Amino acid sequence: MATIDRQTPALALAHALAAAGRGLPVFPLSATKLPALRSPHRGEQSPAHCRCRGECGLPGHGVHDATTDPAAVRALFAAAPRATGYGIACGRAPHRLIGVDLDIDPSYGSDAAGALRQLGLQHLFTIPPTVTVLTPSGGRHLWLTGPADATVPNSAGRLAPGIDIRGSGGYLVGPGSVTTHGRYRLAPGTAHLTPAPCPRALLRLLTPPPGRASRTGGGPAPGGASGPGTGPGPGSPVTAARRGEGLIQFVLAAHEGQRNTRLFWAACRAYEHGFGDALADGLTAAAVRTGLPEHEARAAIASAARLTSGRGEEHHGAA
């Protein structure tokens, strides 16, 4: 685990400025990987304020604060003196970054890198040499670039279990960032690389046609929940109850080192199927029973809600 000391914020700013100098929009993160600046609209009830993405001119809008302007980066970090890392906004010009987040979790039956290789064999693509960031949990982030005419949505586990995608509205934890779980660092041999273009076959998987289910591969959801086209419709109360119970059992089965990831995955599934708010308390209680602090559980569920609503942020693929 990396040490967080008085030098950490200064180093985080230095890394963020270096990334901004390469055209990557950045903003400060706390040691929990969440935005370091609190929303200026907290406590306000107006729907317009809830939808504000920085139009008010104040900082504290998460990924929407991201900038490549050195003076603006310094101002953001000055307002967040305890920031220990930085986020990199995906989907933004000039790179239009796409983050492929490969998690390591024995509960998936195989590692996410292996699942990505299998997808490549199935759909005839290979990942070119590209910037790769190693996460404290043993996973990795692959940096790819997308074309200007493609909007890649955020997703968690849709491509295959353990593979999260960070696209428009999402962010990645930048290399050099320090979190409560450790330090993010560039993989050896990739520091000199630039983000490689996303293979076209993979891009097609990440941007499914409207009306078509975007879950490709990965098999059934935890707890026996079926994919599209099987059993009762996704909006039926019977299906929602069955999936909700399955997701709670999935969280309860987590071991140490899996708790946060499993909770985030389950919450994403619940919100994608329209019953996330109804299941939030049950998921929180299940996570607390496994030993996860309640505030961490609530933060993970809130992050899943933002991710699946299109206002997402990088969270637990980088856990």
C-alpha atoms as a PDB file:
ATOM      1  CA  MET A   1       0.000   0.000   0.000  1.00  0.00           C
ATOM      2  CA  ALA A   2       1.347   3.399  -0.992  1.00  0.00           C
ATOM      3  CA  THR A   3       2.118   5.931   1.722  1.00  0.00           C
ATOM      4  CA  ILE A   4       0.031   9.104   1.753  1.00  0.00           C
ATOM      5  CA  ASP A   5       2.047  11.966   3.206  1.00  0.00           C
ATOM      6  CA  ARG A   6       2.443  15.726   2.848  1.00  0.00           C
ATOM      7  CA  GLN A   7       4.226  15.331  -0.484  1.00  0.00           C
ATOM      8  CA  THR A   8       1.425  13.291  -2.066  1.00  0.00           C
ATOM      9  CA  PRO A   9      -0.799  16.256  -3.104  1.00  0.00           C
ATOM     10  CA  ALA A  10       2.161  18.036  -4.697  1.00  0.00           C
ATOM     11  CA  LEU A  11       3.103  14.910  -6.636  1.00  0.00           C
ATOM     12  CA  ALA A  12      -0.508  14.431  -7.717  1.00  0.00           C
ATOM     13  CA  LEU A  13      -0.558  17.965  -9.116  1.00  0.00           C
ATOM     14  CA  ALA A  14       2.740  17.372 -10.933  1.00  0.00           C
ATOM     15  CA  HIS A  15       1.420  14.186 -12.548  1.00  0.00           C
ATOM     16  CA  ALA A  16      -1.843  15.929 -13.476  1.00  0.00           C
ATOM     17  CA  LEU A  17      -0.008  18.831 -15.112  1.00  0.00           C
ATOM     18  CA  ALA A  18       2.144  16.402 -17.102  1.00  0.00           C
ATOM     19  CA  ALA A  19      -0.991  14.597 -18.330  1.00  0.00           C
ATOM     20  CA  ALA A  20      -2.672  17.893 -19.223  1.00  0.00           C
ATOM     21  CA  GLY A  21       0.423  18.805 -21.204  1.00  0.00           C
ATOM     22  CA  ARG A  22      -0.202  15.712 -23.333  1.00  0.00           C
ATOM     23  CA  GLY A  23      -3.738  16.831 -24.099  1.00  0.00           C
ATOM     24  CA  LEU A  24      -5.504  14.760 -21.430  1.00  0.00           C
ATOM     25  CA  PRO A  25      -8.235  16.651 -19.500  1.00  0.00           C
ATOM     26  CA  VAL A  26      -7.678  16.172 -15.747  1.00  0.00           C
ATOM     27  CA  PHE A  27      -9.246  17.026 -12.372  1.00  0.00           C
ATOM     28  CA  PRO A  28      -8.332  16.215  -8.731  1.00  0.00           C
ATOM     29  CA  LEU A  29      -9.341  12.984  -6.977  1.00  0.00           C
ATOM     30  CA  SER A  30      -9.427  12.020  -3.315  1.00  0.00           C
ATOM     31  CA  ALA A  31      -7.814   8.884  -1.928  1.00  0.00           C
ATOM     32  CA  THR A  32     -11.148   7.094  -2.467  1.00  0.00           C
ATOM     33  CA  LYS A  33     -10.899   7.754  -6.237  1.00  0.00           C
ATOM     34  CA  LEU A  34     -13.901  10.068  -6.086  1.00  0.00           C
ATOM     35  CA  PRO A  35     -13.775  13.756  -7.140  1.00  0.00           C
ATOM     36  CA  ALA A  36     -11.922  15.743  -4.475  1.00  0.00           C
ATOM     37  CA  LEU A  37     -14.127  18.826  -4.772  1.00  0.00           C
ATOM     38  CA  ARG A  38     -17.626  18.751  -3.305  1.00  0.00           C
ATOM     39  CA  SER A  39     -20.541  19.845  -5.460  1.00  0.00           C
ATOM     40  CA  PRO A  40     -21.473  23.522  -5.070  1.00  0.00           C
ATOM     41  CA  HIS A  41     -25.120  22.415  -5.344  1.00  0.00           C
ATOM     42  CA  ARG A  42     -25.211  19.980  -2.425  1.00  0.00           C
ATOM     43  CA  GLY A  43     -28.451  20.411  -0.532  1.00  0.00           C
ATOM     44  CA  GLU A  44     -30.182  22.218  -3.375  1.00  0.00           C
ATOM     45  CA  GLN A  45     -33.453  20.718  -4.584  1.00  0.00           C
ATOM     46  CA  SER A  46     -33.785  22.432  -7.958  1.00  0.00           C
ATOM     47  CA  PRO A  47     -33.727  19.962 -10.893  1.00  0.00           C
ATOM     48  CA  ALA A  48     -31.710  22.484 -12.902  1.00  0.00           C
ATOM     49  CA  HIS A  49     -28.965  22.393 -10.287  1.00  0.00           C
ATOM     50  CA  CYS A  50     -28.995  18.582 -10.259  1.00  0.00           C
ATOM     51  CA  ARG A  51     -28.336  18.612 -14.005  1.00  0.00           C
ATOM     52  CA  CYS A  52     -25.589  21.231 -13.839  1.00  0.00           C
ATOM     53  CA  ARG A  53     -22.357  20.040 -15.420  1.00  0.00           C
ATOM     54  CA  GLY A  54     -20.318  23.130 -14.717  1.00  0.00           C
ATOM     55  CA  GLU A  55     -22.478  25.675 -16.513  1.00  0.00           C
ATOM     56  CA  CYS A  56     -22.710  27.615 -13.245  1.00  0.00           C
ATOM     57  CA  GLY A  57     -18.999  28.398 -13.533  1.00  0.00           C
ATOM     58  CA  LEU A  58     -18.096  26.887 -10.149  1.00  0.00           C
ATOM     59  CA  PRO A  59     -15.821  23.875  -9.594  1.00  0.00           C
ATOM     60  CA  GLY A  60     -17.119  20.697  -7.994  1.00  0.00           C
ATOM     61  CA  HIS A  61     -18.773  18.934 -10.922  1.00  0.00           C
ATOM     62  CA  GLY A  62     -16.509  15.898 -11.031  1.00  0.00           C
ATOM     63  CA  VAL A  63     -15.409  14.819 -14.480  1.00  0.00           C
ATOM     64  CA  HIS A  64     -16.996  17.949 -15.954  1.00  0.00           C
ATOM     65  CA  ASP A  65     -14.279  20.013 -14.225  1.00  0.00           C
ATOM     66  CA  ALA A  66     -11.596  18.273 -16.305  1.00  0.00           C
ATOM     67  CA  THR A  67      -9.322  20.608 -18.225  1.00  0.00           C
ATOM     68  CA  THR A  68      -5.999  20.727 -20.060  1.00  0.00           C
ATOM     69  CA  ASP A  69      -5.332  24.367 -19.143  1.00  0.00           C
ATOM     70  CA  PRO A  70      -2.382  24.403 -16.689  1.00  0.00           C
ATOM     71  CA  ALA A  71      -3.672  27.461 -14.805  1.00  0.00           C
ATOM     72  CA  ALA A  72      -7.112  25.886 -14.401  1.00  0.00           C
ATOM     73  CA  VAL A  73      -5.553  22.601 -13.254  1.00  0.00           C
ATOM     74  CA  ARG A  74      -3.547  24.451 -10.594  1.00  0.00           C
ATOM     75  CA  ALA A  75      -6.688  26.287  -9.444  1.00  0.00           C
ATOM     76  CA  LEU A  76      -8.619  23.027  -9.084  1.00  0.00           C
ATOM     77  CA  PHE A  77      -5.865  21.443  -7.013  1.00  0.00           C
ATOM     78  CA  ALA A  78      -5.504  24.597  -4.907  1.00  0.00           C
ATOM     79  CA  ALA A  79      -9.200  24.240  -4.063  1.00  0.00           C
ATOM     80  CA  ALA A  80      -8.623  20.563  -3.204  1.00  0.00           C
ATOM     81  CA  PRO A  81      -5.447  20.617  -1.070  1.00  0.00           C
ATOM     82  CA  ARG A  82      -5.943  17.020   0.094  1.00  0.00           C
ATOM     83  CA  ALA A  83      -6.204  15.537  -3.392  1.00  0.00           C
ATOM     84  CA  THR A  84      -3.945  12.511  -3.747  1.00  0.00           C
ATOM     85  CA  GLY A  85      -4.562  11.754  -7.400  1.00  0.00           C
ATOM     86  CA  TYR A  86      -6.218  12.885 -10.587  1.00  0.00           C
ATOM     87  CA  GLY A  87      -8.857  11.656 -12.983  1.00  0.00           C
ATOM     88  CA  ILE A  88      -8.571  11.714 -16.757  1.00  0.00           C
ATOM     89  CA  ALA A  89     -11.818  12.433 -18.596  1.00  0.00           C
ATOM     90  CA  CYS A  90     -12.610   9.915 -21.326  1.00  0.00           C
ATOM     91  CA  GLY A  91     -14.295  10.662 -24.632  1.00  0.00           C
ATOM     92  CA  ARG A  92     -12.915  14.183 -24.848  1.00  0.00           C
ATOM     93  CA  ALA A  93     -10.900  15.676 -27.738  1.00  0.00           C
ATOM     94  CA  PRO A  94      -8.180  15.446 -28.850  1.00  0.00           C
ATOM     95  CA  HIS A  95      -7.597  11.814 -27.815  1.00  0.00           C
ATOM     96  CA  ARG A  96     -11.215  10.764 -27.153  1.00  0.00           C
ATOM     97  CA  LEU A  97      -9.898   8.244 -24.694  1.00  0.00           C
ATOM     98  CA  ILE A  98     -11.581   4.871 -24.204  1.00  0.00           C
ATOM     99  CA  GLY A  99     -10.545   3.023 -21.057  1.00  0.00           C
ATOM    100  CA  VAL A 100     -10.691  -0.787 -21.004  1.00  0.00           C
ATOM    101  CA  ASP A 101     -10.567  -1.708 -17.325  1.00  0.00           C
ATOM    102  CA  LEU A 102      -9.517  -5.323 -16.727  1.00  0.00           C
ATOM    103  CA  ASP A 103     -10.245  -6.540 -13.223  1.00  0.00           C
ATOM    104  CA  ILE A 104      -8.725  -9.514 -11.429  1.00  0.00           C
ATOM    105  CA  ASP A 105     -11.243 -11.499  -9.386  1.00  0.00           C
ATOM    106  CA  PRO A 106     -11.187 -15.304  -8.926  1.00  0.00           C
ATOM    107  CA  SER A 107     -14.977 -15.241  -8.518  1.00  0.00           C
ATOM    108  CA  TYR A 108     -15.341 -14.611 -12.251  1.00  0.00           C
ATOM    109  CA  GLY A 109     -13.907 -18.046 -13.005  1.00  0.00           C
ATOM    110  CA  SER A 110     -11.224 -16.516 -15.224  1.00  0.00           C
ATOM    111  CA  ASP A 111      -9.376 -13.235 -15.314  1.00  0.00           C
ATOM    112  CA  ALA A 112     -10.687 -10.351 -17.390  1.00  0.00           C
ATOM    113  CA  ALA A 113      -7.563 -10.250 -19.566  1.00  0.00           C
ATOM    114  CA  GLY A 114      -8.316 -13.815 -20.632  1.00  0.00           C
ATOM    115  CA  ALA A 115     -11.926 -12.869 -21.348  1.00  0.00           C
ATOM    116  CA  LEU A 116     -10.739 -10.000 -23.551  1.00  0.00           C
ATOM    117  CA  ARG A 117      -8.424 -12.334 -25.467  1.00  0.00           C
ATOM    118  CA  GLN A 118     -11.346 -14.717 -25.993  1.00  0.00           C
ATOM    119  CA  LEU A 119     -13.474 -11.867 -27.326  1.00  0.00           C
ATOM    120  CA  GLY A 120     -10.642 -10.961 -29.678  1.00  0.00           C
ATOM    121  CA  LEU A 121     -10.521 -14.505 -31.050  1.00  0.00           C
ATOM    122  CA  GLN A 122     -14.288 -14.560 -31.435  1.00  0.00           C
ATOM    123  CA  HIS A 123     -14.609 -11.157 -33.120  1.00  0.00           C
ATOM    124  CA  LEU A 124     -11.247 -11.090 -34.914  1.00  0.00           C
ATOM    125  CA  PHE A 125      -9.389  -8.244 -33.225  1.00  0.00           C
ATOM    126  CA  THR A 126      -6.207  -7.817 -31.226  1.00  0.00           C
ATOM    127  CA  ILE A 127      -5.330  -5.033 -28.822  1.00  0.00           C
ATOM    128  CA  PRO A 128      -2.341  -3.109 -30.211  1.00  0.00           C
ATOM    129  CA  PRO A 129       0.532  -2.006 -27.962  1.00  0.00           C
ATOM    130  CA  THR A 130      -0.801   0.950 -25.983  1.00  0.00           C
ATOM    131  CA  VAL A 131      -0.515   2.867 -22.732  1.00  0.00           C
ATOM    132  CA  THR A 132      -1.284   0.493 -19.862  1.00  0.00           C
ATOM    133  CA  VAL A 133      -1.797   1.463 -16.231  1.00  0.00           C
ATOM    134  CA  LEU A 134      -1.431  -1.076 -13.416  1.00  0.00           C
ATOM    135  CA  THR A 135      -3.972  -0.753 -10.596  1.00  0.00           C
ATOM    136  CA  PRO A 136      -3.359  -1.508  -6.899  1.00  0.00           C
ATOM    137  CA  SER A 137      -5.756  -4.479  -7.047  1.00  0.00           C
ATOM    138  CA  GLY A 138      -3.701  -6.218  -9.730  1.00  0.00           C
ATOM    139  CA  GLY A 139      -5.848  -5.166 -12.668  1.00  0.00           C
ATOM    140  CA  ARG A 140      -4.919  -2.932 -15.549  1.00  0.00           C
ATOM    141  CA  HIS A 141      -6.311  -0.107 -17.643  1.00  0.00           C
ATOM    142  CA  LEU A 142      -5.752  -0.160 -21.402  1.00  0.00           C
ATOM    143  CA  TRP A 143      -5.890   3.256 -23.063  1.00  0.00           C
ATOM    144  CA  LEU A 144      -7.416   3.354 -26.551  1.00  0.00           C
ATOM    145  CA  THR A 145      -8.656   6.212 -28.711  1.00  0.00           C
ATOM    146  CA  GLY A 146     -11.977   6.498 -30.516  1.00  0.00           C
ATOM    147  CA  PRO A 147     -13.066   8.305 -33.676  1.00  0.00           C
ATOM    148  CA  ALA A 148     -14.832  11.649 -33.522  1.00  0.00           C
ATOM    149  CA  ASP A 149     -18.099  10.212 -34.833  1.00  0.00           C
ATOM    150  CA  ALA A 150     -18.441   7.483 -32.171  1.00  0.00           C
ATOM    151  CA  THR A 151     -19.755   7.929 -28.638  1.00  0.00           C
ATOM    152  CA  VAL A 152     -18.699   5.057 -26.405  1.00  0.00           C
ATOM    153  CA  PRO A 153     -20.920   4.642 -23.321  1.00  0.00           C
ATOM    154  CA  ASN A 154     -19.673   3.623 -19.895  1.00  0.00           C
ATOM    155  CA  SER A 155     -20.404   0.071 -18.855  1.00  0.00           C
ATOM    156  CA  ALA A 156     -19.525  -2.326 -16.050  1.00  0.00           C
ATOM    157  CA  GLY A 157     -19.245  -6.021 -16.868  1.00  0.00           C
ATOM    158  CA  ARG A 158     -21.360  -5.817 -20.021  1.00  0.00           C
ATOM    159  CA  LEU A 159     -18.625  -6.795 -22.461  1.00  0.00           C
ATOM    160  CA  ALA A 160     -17.644  -9.700 -20.191  1.00  0.00           C
ATOM    161  CA  PRO A 161     -17.400 -10.197 -16.420  1.00  0.00           C
ATOM    162  CA  GLY A 162     -14.540  -8.145 -15.015  1.00  0.00           C
ATOM    163  CA  ILE A 163     -14.280  -5.842 -18.047  1.00  0.00           C
ATOM    164  CA  ASP A 164     -15.477  -2.271 -17.456  1.00  0.00           C
ATOM    165  CA  ILE A 165     -15.464   0.386 -20.152  1.00  0.00           C
ATOM    166  CA  ARG A 166     -14.893   4.074 -19.545  1.00  0.00           C
ATOM    167  CA  GLY A 167     -16.144   6.290 -22.337  1.00  0.00           C
ATOM    168  CA  SER A 168     -18.007   9.554 -22.673  1.00  0.00           C
ATOM    169  CA  GLY A 169     -18.784  11.016 -19.238  1.00  0.00           C
ATOM    170  CA  GLY A 170     -16.447   8.606 -17.444  1.00  0.00           C
ATOM    171  CA  TYR A 171     -12.909   8.860 -16.180  1.00  0.00           C
ATOM    172  CA  LEU A 172      -9.815   6.846 -15.393  1.00  0.00           C
ATOM    173  CA  VAL A 173      -7.511   7.231 -12.409  1.00  0.00           C
ATOM    174  CA  GLY A 174      -4.266   8.647 -13.785  1.00  0.00           C
ATOM    175  CA  PRO A 175      -0.870   6.981 -13.287  1.00  0.00           C
ATOM    176  CA  GLY A 176       0.968   8.381 -10.295  1.00  0.00           C
ATOM    177  CA  SER A 177      -2.260   8.747  -8.299  1.00  0.00           C
ATOM    178  CA  VAL A 178      -2.270   7.399  -4.744  1.00  0.00           C
ATOM    179  CA  THR A 179      -5.396   5.870  -3.214  1.00  0.00           C
ATOM    180  CA  THR A 180      -6.215   4.116   0.039  1.00  0.00           C
ATOM    181  CA  HIS A 181      -5.474   0.830  -1.745  1.00  0.00           C
ATOM    182  CA  GLY A 182      -2.176   1.841  -3.327  1.00  0.00           C
ATOM    183  CA  ARG A 183      -0.580   3.624  -6.259  1.00  0.00           C
ATOM    184  CA  TYR A 184      -1.514   3.576  -9.940  1.00  0.00           C
ATOM    185  CA  ARG A 185       1.536   3.229 -12.173  1.00  0.00           C
ATOM    186  CA  LEU A 186       2.425   2.835 -15.818  1.00  0.00           C
ATOM    187  CA  ALA A 187       3.170  -0.732 -16.882  1.00  0.00           C
ATOM    188  CA  PRO A 188       6.832  -1.262 -17.797  1.00  0.00           C
ATOM    189  CA  GLY A 189       7.487  -0.706 -21.466  1.00  0.00           C
ATOM    190  CA  THR A 190       4.366   1.384 -22.130  1.00  0.00           C
ATOM    191  CA  ALA A 191       5.375   4.826 -20.834  1.00  0.00           C
ATOM    192  CA  HIS A 192       6.737   5.865 -24.249  1.00  0.00           C
ATOM    193  CA  LEU A 193       3.596   4.790 -26.113  1.00  0.00           C
ATOM    194  CA  THR A 194       0.626   6.889 -27.148  1.00  0.00           C
ATOM    195  CA  PRO A 195      -2.946   5.565 -26.810  1.00  0.00           C
ATOM    196  CA  ALA A 196      -3.616   3.246 -29.754  1.00  0.00           C
ATOM    197  CA  PRO A 197      -6.739   3.435 -31.928  1.00  0.00           C
ATOM    198  CA  CYS A 198      -9.500   1.121 -30.767  1.00  0.00           C
ATOM    199  CA  PRO A 199      -9.822  -1.850 -33.164  1.00  0.00           C
ATOM    200  CA  ARG A 200     -12.946  -1.455 -35.307  1.00  0.00           C
ATOM    201  CA  ALA A 201     -14.368  -4.822 -34.296  1.00  0.00           C
ATOM    202  CA  LEU A 202     -14.030  -3.935 -30.621  1.00  0.00           C
ATOM    203  CA  LEU A 203     -15.500  -0.483 -31.238  1.00  0.00           C
ATOM    204  CA  ARG A 204     -18.585  -2.141 -32.741  1.00  0.00           C
ATOM    205  CA  LEU A 205     -19.003  -4.150 -29.534  1.00  0.00           C
ATOM    206  CA  LEU A 206     -18.705  -0.986 -27.452  1.00  0.00           C
ATOM    207  CA  THR A 207     -21.209   1.023 -29.504  1.00  0.00           C
ATOM    208  CA  PRO A 208     -24.162  -1.320 -30.166  1.00  0.00           C
ATOM    209  CA  PRO A 209     -26.936  -0.141 -32.504  1.00  0.00           C
ATOM    210  CA  PRO A 210     -29.888   1.605 -30.791  1.00  0.00           C
ATOM    211  CA  GLY A 211     -32.422  -0.829 -29.407  1.00  0.00           C
ATOM    212  CA  ARG A 212     -30.001  -3.726 -29.307  1.00  0.00           C
ATOM    213  CA  ALA A 213     -28.810  -5.157 -25.997  1.00  0.00           C
ATOM    214  CA  SER A 214     -25.234  -4.089 -25.411  1.00  0.00           C
ATOM    215  CA  ARG A 215     -24.316  -7.020 -23.180  1.00  0.00           C
ATOM    216  CA  THR A 216     -22.100  -9.287 -25.283  1.00  0.00           C
ATOM    217  CA  GLY A 217     -20.633 -12.387 -23.828  1.00  0.00           C
ATOM    218  CA  GLY A 218     -20.063 -12.971 -20.159  1.00  0.00           C
ATOM    219  CA  GLY A 219     -22.935 -15.397 -19.617  1.00  0.00           C
ATOM    220  CA  PRO A 220     -25.713 -14.962 -17.074  1.00  0.00           C
ATOM    221  CA  ALA A 221     -25.763 -12.389 -14.331  1.00  0.00           C
ATOM    222  CA  PRO A 222     -25.032 -13.492 -10.776  1.00  0.00           C
ATOM    223  CA  GLY A 223     -27.648 -15.345  -8.813  1.00  0.00           C
ATOM    224  CA  GLY A 224     -29.096 -16.947 -11.931  1.00  0.00           C
ATOM    225  CA  ALA A 225     -30.522 -13.755 -13.464  1.00  0.00           C
ATOM    226  CA  SER A 226     -30.991 -14.302 -17.171  1.00  0.00           C
ATOM    227  CA  GLY A 227     -30.006 -12.067 -20.041  1.00  0.00           C
ATOM    228  CA  PRO A 228     -32.414 -10.413 -22.481  1.00  0.00           C
ATOM    229  CA  GLY A 229     -34.945 -12.603 -24.165  1.00  0.00           C
ATOM    230  CA  THR A 230     -35.386 -15.263 -21.479  1.00  0.00           C
ATOM    231  CA  GLY A 231     -38.123 -15.560 -18.927  1.00  0.00           C
ATOM    232  CA  PRO A 232     -40.415 -12.679 -17.922  1.00  0.00           C
ATOM    233  CA  GLY A 233     -39.764  -9.237 -19.333  1.00  0.00           C
ATOM    234  CA  PRO A 234     -37.144  -7.071 -17.595  1.00  0.00           C
ATOM    235  CA  GLY A 235     -39.805  -4.809 -16.136  1.00  0.00           C
ATOM    236  CA  SER A 236     -41.897  -7.519 -14.537  1.00  0.00           C
ATOM    237  CA  PRO A 237     -42.074  -7.535 -10.713  1.00  0.00           C
ATOM    238  CA  VAL A 238     -41.249 -11.270 -10.625  1.00  0.00           C
ATOM    239  CA  THR A 239     -38.087 -10.770 -12.655  1.00  0.00           C
ATOM    240  CA  ALA A 240     -37.033  -7.713 -10.637  1.00  0.00           C
ATOM    241  CA  ALA A 241     -37.526  -9.540  -7.340  1.00  0.00           C
ATOM    242  CA  ARG A 242     -35.599 -12.586  -8.556  1.00  0.00           C
ATOM    243  CA  ARG A 243     -32.736 -10.502  -9.899  1.00  0.00           C
ATOM    244  CA  GLY A 244     -32.691  -8.359  -6.781  1.00  0.00           C
ATOM    245  CA  GLU A 245     -32.369 -11.389  -4.521  1.00  0.00           C
ATOM    246  CA  GLY A 246     -29.692 -12.841  -6.787  1.00  0.00           C
ATOM    247  CA  LEU A 247     -27.678  -9.626  -6.689  1.00  0.00           C
ATOM    248  CA  ILE A 248     -27.897  -9.441  -2.903  1.00  0.00           C
ATOM    249  CA  GLN A 249     -26.685 -13.045  -2.624  1.00  0.00           C
ATOM    250  CA  PHE A 250     -23.863 -12.199  -5.026  1.00  0.00           C
ATOM    251  CA  VAL A 251     -22.749  -9.393  -2.687  1.00  0.00           C
ATOM    252  CA  LEU A 252     -23.098 -11.576   0.425  1.00  0.00           C
ATOM    253  CA  ALA A 253     -20.767 -14.165  -1.131  1.00  0.00           C
ATOM    254  CA  ALA A 254     -17.914 -11.649  -1.437  1.00  0.00           C
ATOM    255  CA  HIS A 255     -14.622 -12.336   0.306  1.00  0.00           C
ATOM    256  CA  GLU A 256     -12.140  -9.702   1.441  1.00  0.00           C
ATOM    257  CA  GLY A 257     -10.707  -8.013  -1.620  1.00  0.00           C
ATOM    258  CA  GLN A 258     -13.913  -8.629  -3.607  1.00  0.00           C
ATOM    259  CA  ARG A 259     -16.465  -6.710  -1.556  1.00  0.00           C
ATOM    260  CA  ASN A 260     -16.245  -3.331  -3.236  1.00  0.00           C
ATOM    261  CA  THR A 261     -16.033  -4.748  -6.756  1.00  0.00           C
ATOM    262  CA  ARG A 262     -18.954  -7.142  -6.265  1.00  0.00           C
ATOM    263  CA  LEU A 263     -21.126  -4.443  -4.728  1.00  0.00           C
ATOM    264  CA  PHE A 264     -20.407  -2.009  -7.559  1.00  0.00           C
ATOM    265  CA  TRP A 265     -21.101  -4.676 -10.187  1.00  0.00           C
ATOM    266  CA  ALA A 266     -24.392  -5.662  -8.538  1.00  0.00           C
ATOM    267  CA  ALA A 267     -25.501  -2.037  -8.160  1.00  0.00           C
ATOM    268  CA  CYS A 268     -24.779  -1.355 -11.843  1.00  0.00           C
ATOM    269  CA  ARG A 269     -26.919  -4.334 -12.839  1.00  0.00           C
ATOM    270  CA  ALA A 270     -29.751  -3.184 -10.571  1.00  0.00           C
ATOM    271  CA  TYR A 271     -29.762   0.362 -11.955  1.00  0.00           C
ATOM    272  CA  GLU A 272     -29.521  -0.853 -15.536  1.00  0.00           C
ATOM    273  CA  HIS A 273     -32.687  -2.916 -14.985  1.00  0.00           C
ATOM    274  CA  GLY A 274     -34.551  -0.054 -13.332  1.00  0.00           C
ATOM    275  CA  PHE A 275     -34.702  -1.116  -9.683  1.00  0.00           C
ATOM    276  CA  GLY A 276     -31.436   0.292  -8.338  1.00  0.00           C
ATOM    277  CA  ASP A 277     -33.013   2.765  -5.928  1.00  0.00           C
ATOM    278  CA  ALA A 278     -35.372   0.108  -4.558  1.00  0.00           C
ATOM    279  CA  LEU A 279     -32.480  -2.301  -3.980  1.00  0.00           C
ATOM    280  CA  ALA A 280     -29.948   0.226  -2.639  1.00  0.00           C
ATOM    281  CA  ASP A 281     -30.702  -0.381   1.046  1.00  0.00           C
ATOM    282  CA  GLY A 282     -30.648  -4.144   0.593  1.00  0.00           C
ATOM    283  CA  LEU A 283     -27.317  -4.025  -1.215  1.00  0.00           C
ATOM    284  CA  THR A 284     -25.899  -1.725   1.453  1.00  0.00           C
ATOM    285  CA  ALA A 285     -26.989  -4.068   4.231  1.00  0.00           C
ATOM    286  CA  ALA A 286     -25.494  -7.049   2.400  1.00  0.00           C
ATOM    287  CA  ALA A 287     -22.185  -5.238   1.890  1.00  0.00           C
ATOM    288  CA  VAL A 288     -22.036  -4.215   5.558  1.00  0.00           C
ATOM    289  CA  ARG A 289     -22.576  -7.851   6.541  1.00  0.00           C
ATOM    290  CA  THR A 290     -19.464  -8.775   4.537  1.00  0.00           C
ATOM    291  CA  GLY A 291     -17.434  -6.188   6.458  1.00  0.00           C
ATOM    292  CA  LEU A 292     -17.553  -3.196   4.128  1.00  0.00           C
ATOM    293  CA  PRO A 293     -18.093   0.116   5.985  1.00  0.00           C
ATOM    294  CA  GLU A 294     -21.516   1.603   5.297  1.00  0.00           C
ATOM    295  CA  HIS A 295     -20.148   4.876   3.927  1.00  0.00           C
ATOM    296  CA  GLU A 296     -18.024   2.966   1.400  1.00  0.00           C
ATOM    297  CA  ALA A 297     -21.020   0.877   0.388  1.00  0.00           C
ATOM    298  CA  ARG A 298     -23.186   3.969  -0.102  1.00  0.00           C
ATOM    299  CA  ALA A 299     -20.441   5.635  -2.152  1.00  0.00           C
ATOM    300  CA  ALA A 300     -20.086   2.575  -4.400  1.00  0.00           C
ATOM    301  CA  ILE A 301     -23.843   2.415  -5.024  1.00  0.00           C
ATOM    302  CA  ALA A 302     -24.016   6.148  -5.734  1.00  0.00           C
ATOM    303  CA  SER A 303     -21.155   5.784  -8.211  1.00  0.00           C
ATOM    304  CA  ALA A 304     -22.994   2.928  -9.940  1.00  0.00           C
ATOM    305  CA  ALA A 305     -26.095   5.109 -10.205  1.00  0.00           C
ATOM    306  CA  ARG A 306     -24.099   7.917 -11.824  1.00  0.00           C
ATOM    307  CA  LEU A 307     -22.322   5.546 -14.191  1.00  0.00           C
ATOM    308  CA  THR A 308     -25.477   3.885 -15.483  1.00  0.00           C
ATOM    309  CA  SER A 309     -27.352   7.170 -15.857  1.00  0.00           C
ATOM    310  CA  GLY A 310     -24.771   8.517 -18.295  1.00  0.00           C
ATOM    311  CA  ARG A 311     -23.143  10.838 -15.754  1.00  0.00           C
ATOM    312  CA  GLY A 312     -20.727   8.131 -14.735  1.00  0.00           C
ATOM    313  CA  GLU A 313     -17.250   8.190 -13.410  1.00  0.00           C
ATOM    314  CA  GLU A 314     -14.425   5.731 -13.169  1.00  0.00           C
ATOM    315  CA  HIS A 315     -14.816   3.759 -10.035  1.00  0.00           C
ATOM    316  CA  HIS A 316     -14.257   0.135  -9.204  1.00  0.00           C
ATOM    317  CA  GLY A 317     -12.605  -1.339 -12.218  1.00  0.00           C
ATOM    318  CA  ALA A 318      -9.862   0.638 -10.711  1.00  0.00           C
ATOM    319  CA  ALA A 319     -10.661  -0.621  -7.234  1.00  0.00           C
END
